Amino acid sequence: MNPSSFWRNAVVVLVLVNVLFALWTGGYLGFLGLDPNPVREPERLDNQVAPEAVQIKVPGTVAPQEAAPASAAASQ
């Protein structure tokens, strides 16, 4: 076995493994029963406490709730 055929075979095997992995992760092998298990954590949603209270703030801006006490103190 000469070295050039070894490296050619190694490249072919690696490309084949990468193609099969891409097909598996994409769900294209589902007809064979080889779907990847999706990662789901429904218990995280159940454990949330008041998710509606989360507010996204942009740096450098002041929310209206925070501005009201400051403006009331300044007017007195």
N, C-alpha and C. Protein backbone atom coordinates (compact mmCIF):
# COMPACT_ATOMS: atom_id res chain seq x y z
N MET A 1 0.86 -1.18 0.00
CA MET A 1 0.00 0.00 0.00
C MET A 1 0.90 1.24 0.00
N ASN A 2 0.76 2.05 -1.00
CA ASN A 2 1.60 3.24 -1.06
C ASN A 2 0.96 4.38 -0.28
N PRO A 3 1.75 5.35 0.15
CA PRO A 3 1.24 6.43 1.00
C PRO A 3 0.17 7.29 0.34
N SER A 4 0.23 7.49 -0.96
CA SER A 4 -0.77 8.36 -1.60
C SER A 4 -2.16 7.73 -1.57
N SER A 5 -2.26 6.41 -1.72
CA SER A 5 -3.58 5.76 -1.67
C SER A 5 -4.13 5.77 -0.24
N PHE A 6 -3.24 5.70 0.76
CA PHE A 6 -3.69 5.76 2.15
C PHE A 6 -4.35 7.11 2.43
N TRP A 7 -3.70 8.21 2.04
CA TRP A 7 -4.24 9.54 2.32
C TRP A 7 -5.50 9.80 1.50
N ARG A 8 -5.54 9.29 0.28
CA ARG A 8 -6.75 9.45 -0.52
C ARG A 8 -7.92 8.72 0.13
N ASN A 9 -7.69 7.51 0.61
CA ASN A 9 -8.74 6.75 1.28
C ASN A 9 -9.16 7.43 2.59
N ALA A 10 -8.19 7.99 3.30
CA ALA A 10 -8.50 8.67 4.55
C ALA A 10 -9.38 9.89 4.29
N VAL A 11 -9.09 10.66 3.25
CA VAL A 11 -9.90 11.83 2.91
C VAL A 11 -11.30 11.41 2.50
N VAL A 12 -11.41 10.36 1.73
CA VAL A 12 -12.73 9.88 1.30
C VAL A 12 -13.56 9.46 2.50
N VAL A 13 -12.96 8.75 3.43
CA VAL A 13 -13.67 8.29 4.63
C VAL A 13 -14.10 9.50 5.47
N LEU A 14 -13.22 10.48 5.65
CA LEU A 14 -13.58 11.66 6.44
C LEU A 14 -14.70 12.46 5.80
N VAL A 15 -14.67 12.62 4.49
CA VAL A 15 -15.74 13.34 3.79
C VAL A 15 -17.05 12.58 3.94
N LEU A 16 -17.01 11.28 3.79
CA LEU A 16 -18.21 10.46 3.94
C LEU A 16 -18.79 10.57 5.35
N VAL A 17 -17.94 10.53 6.36
CA VAL A 17 -18.39 10.66 7.75
C VAL A 17 -19.03 12.03 7.97
N ASN A 18 -18.42 13.08 7.43
CA ASN A 18 -18.98 14.43 7.58
C ASN A 18 -20.34 14.56 6.89
N VAL A 19 -20.48 13.98 5.71
CA VAL A 19 -21.76 14.04 5.00
C VAL A 19 -22.83 13.27 5.77
N LEU A 20 -22.49 12.10 6.27
CA LEU A 20 -23.47 11.33 7.06
C LEU A 20 -23.85 12.07 8.33
N PHE A 21 -22.89 12.71 8.98
CA PHE A 21 -23.20 13.47 10.20
C PHE A 21 -24.12 14.64 9.89
N ALA A 22 -23.86 15.34 8.78
CA ALA A 22 -24.71 16.46 8.39
C ALA A 22 -26.13 15.99 8.08
N LEU A 23 -26.25 14.86 7.41
CA LEU A 23 -27.58 14.31 7.12
C LEU A 23 -28.30 13.91 8.40
N TRP A 24 -27.58 13.33 9.34
CA TRP A 24 -28.18 12.89 10.60
C TRP A 24 -28.67 14.08 11.42
N THR A 25 -27.80 15.11 11.58
CA THR A 25 -28.19 16.26 12.39
C THR A 25 -29.28 17.08 11.72
N GLY A 26 -29.36 17.03 10.40
CA GLY A 26 -30.42 17.74 9.69
C GLY A 26 -31.74 17.01 9.72
N GLY A 27 -31.76 15.78 10.18
CA GLY A 27 -33.00 15.01 10.27
C GLY A 27 -33.37 14.32 8.98
N TYR A 28 -32.43 14.25 8.03
CA TYR A 28 -32.74 13.63 6.74
C TYR A 28 -32.71 12.11 6.78
N LEU A 29 -32.25 11.53 7.86
CA LEU A 29 -32.22 10.08 7.99
C LEU A 29 -33.38 9.57 8.85
N GLY A 30 -34.40 10.39 9.00
CA GLY A 30 -35.55 10.01 9.82
C GLY A 30 -36.32 8.83 9.28
N PHE A 31 -36.34 8.67 7.96
CA PHE A 31 -37.06 7.53 7.39
C PHE A 31 -36.41 6.20 7.76
N LEU A 32 -35.16 6.25 8.23
CA LEU A 32 -34.48 5.04 8.72
C LEU A 32 -34.60 4.89 10.23
N GLY A 33 -35.26 5.83 10.87
CA GLY A 33 -35.38 5.81 12.32
C GLY A 33 -34.14 6.34 13.02
N LEU A 34 -33.36 7.17 12.32
CA LEU A 34 -32.11 7.67 12.87
C LEU A 34 -32.17 9.17 13.14
N ASP A 35 -33.29 9.66 13.63
CA ASP A 35 -33.41 11.08 13.97
C ASP A 35 -32.61 11.38 15.23
N PRO A 36 -31.97 12.55 15.28
CA PRO A 36 -31.30 12.93 16.53
C PRO A 36 -32.35 13.31 17.56
N ASN A 37 -32.05 13.06 18.82
CA ASN A 37 -32.98 13.43 19.88
C ASN A 37 -32.90 14.93 20.11
N PRO A 38 -34.02 15.64 19.98
CA PRO A 38 -33.97 17.09 20.22
C PRO A 38 -33.76 17.36 21.71
N VAL A 39 -33.00 18.40 22.00
CA VAL A 39 -32.75 18.78 23.38
C VAL A 39 -33.88 19.70 23.82
N ARG A 40 -34.64 19.24 24.76
CA ARG A 40 -35.78 20.03 25.26
C ARG A 40 -35.74 20.04 26.78
N GLU A 41 -36.08 21.17 27.32
CA GLU A 41 -36.10 21.31 28.77
C GLU A 41 -37.41 21.99 29.19
N PRO A 42 -38.53 21.29 29.10
CA PRO A 42 -39.80 21.93 29.44
C PRO A 42 -39.91 22.31 30.92
N GLU A 43 -39.13 21.65 31.77
CA GLU A 43 -39.20 21.99 33.19
C GLU A 43 -38.66 23.39 33.45
N ARG A 44 -37.81 23.90 32.60
CA ARG A 44 -37.32 25.27 32.76
C ARG A 44 -38.46 26.27 32.60
N LEU A 45 -39.35 26.03 31.66
CA LEU A 45 -40.49 26.93 31.48
C LEU A 45 -41.42 26.88 32.69
N ASP A 46 -41.59 25.68 33.25
CA ASP A 46 -42.46 25.54 34.42
C ASP A 46 -41.86 26.21 35.65
N ASN A 47 -40.53 26.29 35.74
CA ASN A 47 -39.87 26.85 36.92
C ASN A 47 -39.71 28.36 36.87
N GLN A 48 -40.11 29.00 35.78
CA GLN A 48 -39.96 30.45 35.68
C GLN A 48 -40.90 31.14 36.66
N VAL A 49 -40.37 32.18 37.30
CA VAL A 49 -41.18 32.96 38.23
C VAL A 49 -41.37 34.35 37.62
N ALA A 50 -42.59 34.69 37.32
CA ALA A 50 -42.98 35.98 36.76
C ALA A 50 -42.14 36.37 35.54
N PRO A 51 -42.18 35.59 34.46
CA PRO A 51 -41.38 35.93 33.29
C PRO A 51 -41.82 37.25 32.64
N GLU A 52 -43.06 37.66 32.87
CA GLU A 52 -43.54 38.92 32.28
C GLU A 52 -42.91 40.13 32.95
N ALA A 53 -42.26 39.94 34.10
CA ALA A 53 -41.63 41.05 34.81
C ALA A 53 -40.25 41.38 34.25
N VAL A 54 -39.74 40.57 33.36
CA VAL A 54 -38.42 40.82 32.79
C VAL A 54 -38.51 41.96 31.79
N GLN A 55 -37.63 42.93 31.94
CA GLN A 55 -37.60 44.07 31.02
C GLN A 55 -36.21 44.18 30.42
N ILE A 56 -36.18 44.42 29.11
CA ILE A 56 -34.91 44.60 28.42
C ILE A 56 -34.63 46.09 28.36
N LYS A 57 -33.49 46.50 28.87
CA LYS A 57 -33.14 47.91 28.90
C LYS A 57 -31.94 48.16 28.01
N VAL A 58 -32.00 49.25 27.27
CA VAL A 58 -30.90 49.65 26.42
C VAL A 58 -29.98 50.53 27.26
N PRO A 59 -28.69 50.28 27.23
CA PRO A 59 -27.77 51.11 28.02
C PRO A 59 -27.87 52.58 27.63
N GLY A 60 -27.89 53.45 28.64
CA GLY A 60 -27.94 54.88 28.40
C GLY A 60 -29.34 55.46 28.39
N THR A 61 -30.36 54.62 28.51
CA THR A 61 -31.73 55.13 28.54
C THR A 61 -32.32 54.91 29.93
N VAL A 62 -33.33 55.68 30.24
CA VAL A 62 -33.98 55.57 31.54
C VAL A 62 -35.42 55.14 31.30
N ALA A 63 -35.86 54.14 32.04
CA ALA A 63 -37.24 53.67 31.92
C ALA A 63 -38.18 54.70 32.52
N PRO A 64 -39.42 54.81 32.03
CA PRO A 64 -40.37 55.79 32.57
C PRO A 64 -40.63 55.63 34.07
N GLN A 65 -40.61 54.40 34.59
CA GLN A 65 -40.86 54.18 36.01
C GLN A 65 -39.72 54.77 36.85
N GLU A 66 -38.50 54.72 36.33
CA GLU A 66 -37.36 55.24 37.07
C GLU A 66 -37.26 56.76 36.95
N ALA A 67 -37.76 57.31 35.86
CA ALA A 67 -37.66 58.75 35.64
C ALA A 67 -38.69 59.51 36.48
N ALA A 68 -39.82 58.93 36.78
CA ALA A 68 -40.90 59.62 37.50
C ALA A 68 -40.47 60.05 38.91
N PRO A 69 -39.90 59.19 39.75
CA PRO A 69 -39.50 59.65 41.08
C PRO A 69 -38.43 60.74 41.02
N ALA A 70 -37.52 60.65 40.09
CA ALA A 70 -36.46 61.64 39.99
C ALA A 70 -37.03 63.00 39.57
N SER A 71 -37.96 62.99 38.65
CA SER A 71 -38.54 64.26 38.21
C SER A 71 -39.44 64.84 39.29
N ALA A 72 -40.11 64.01 40.09
CA ALA A 72 -40.95 64.50 41.17
C ALA A 72 -40.08 65.12 42.26
N ALA A 73 -38.94 64.54 42.53
CA ALA A 73 -38.04 65.09 43.55
C ALA A 73 -37.43 66.40 43.07
N ALA A 74 -37.18 66.52 41.79
CA ALA A 74 -36.56 67.72 41.25
C ALA A 74 -37.54 68.88 41.23
N SER A 75 -38.83 68.59 41.10
CA SER A 75 -39.82 69.67 41.03
C SER A 75 -40.16 70.22 42.40
N GLN A 76 -39.80 69.53 43.46
CA GLN A 76 -40.14 70.00 44.81
C GLN A 76 -39.14 70.94 45.38
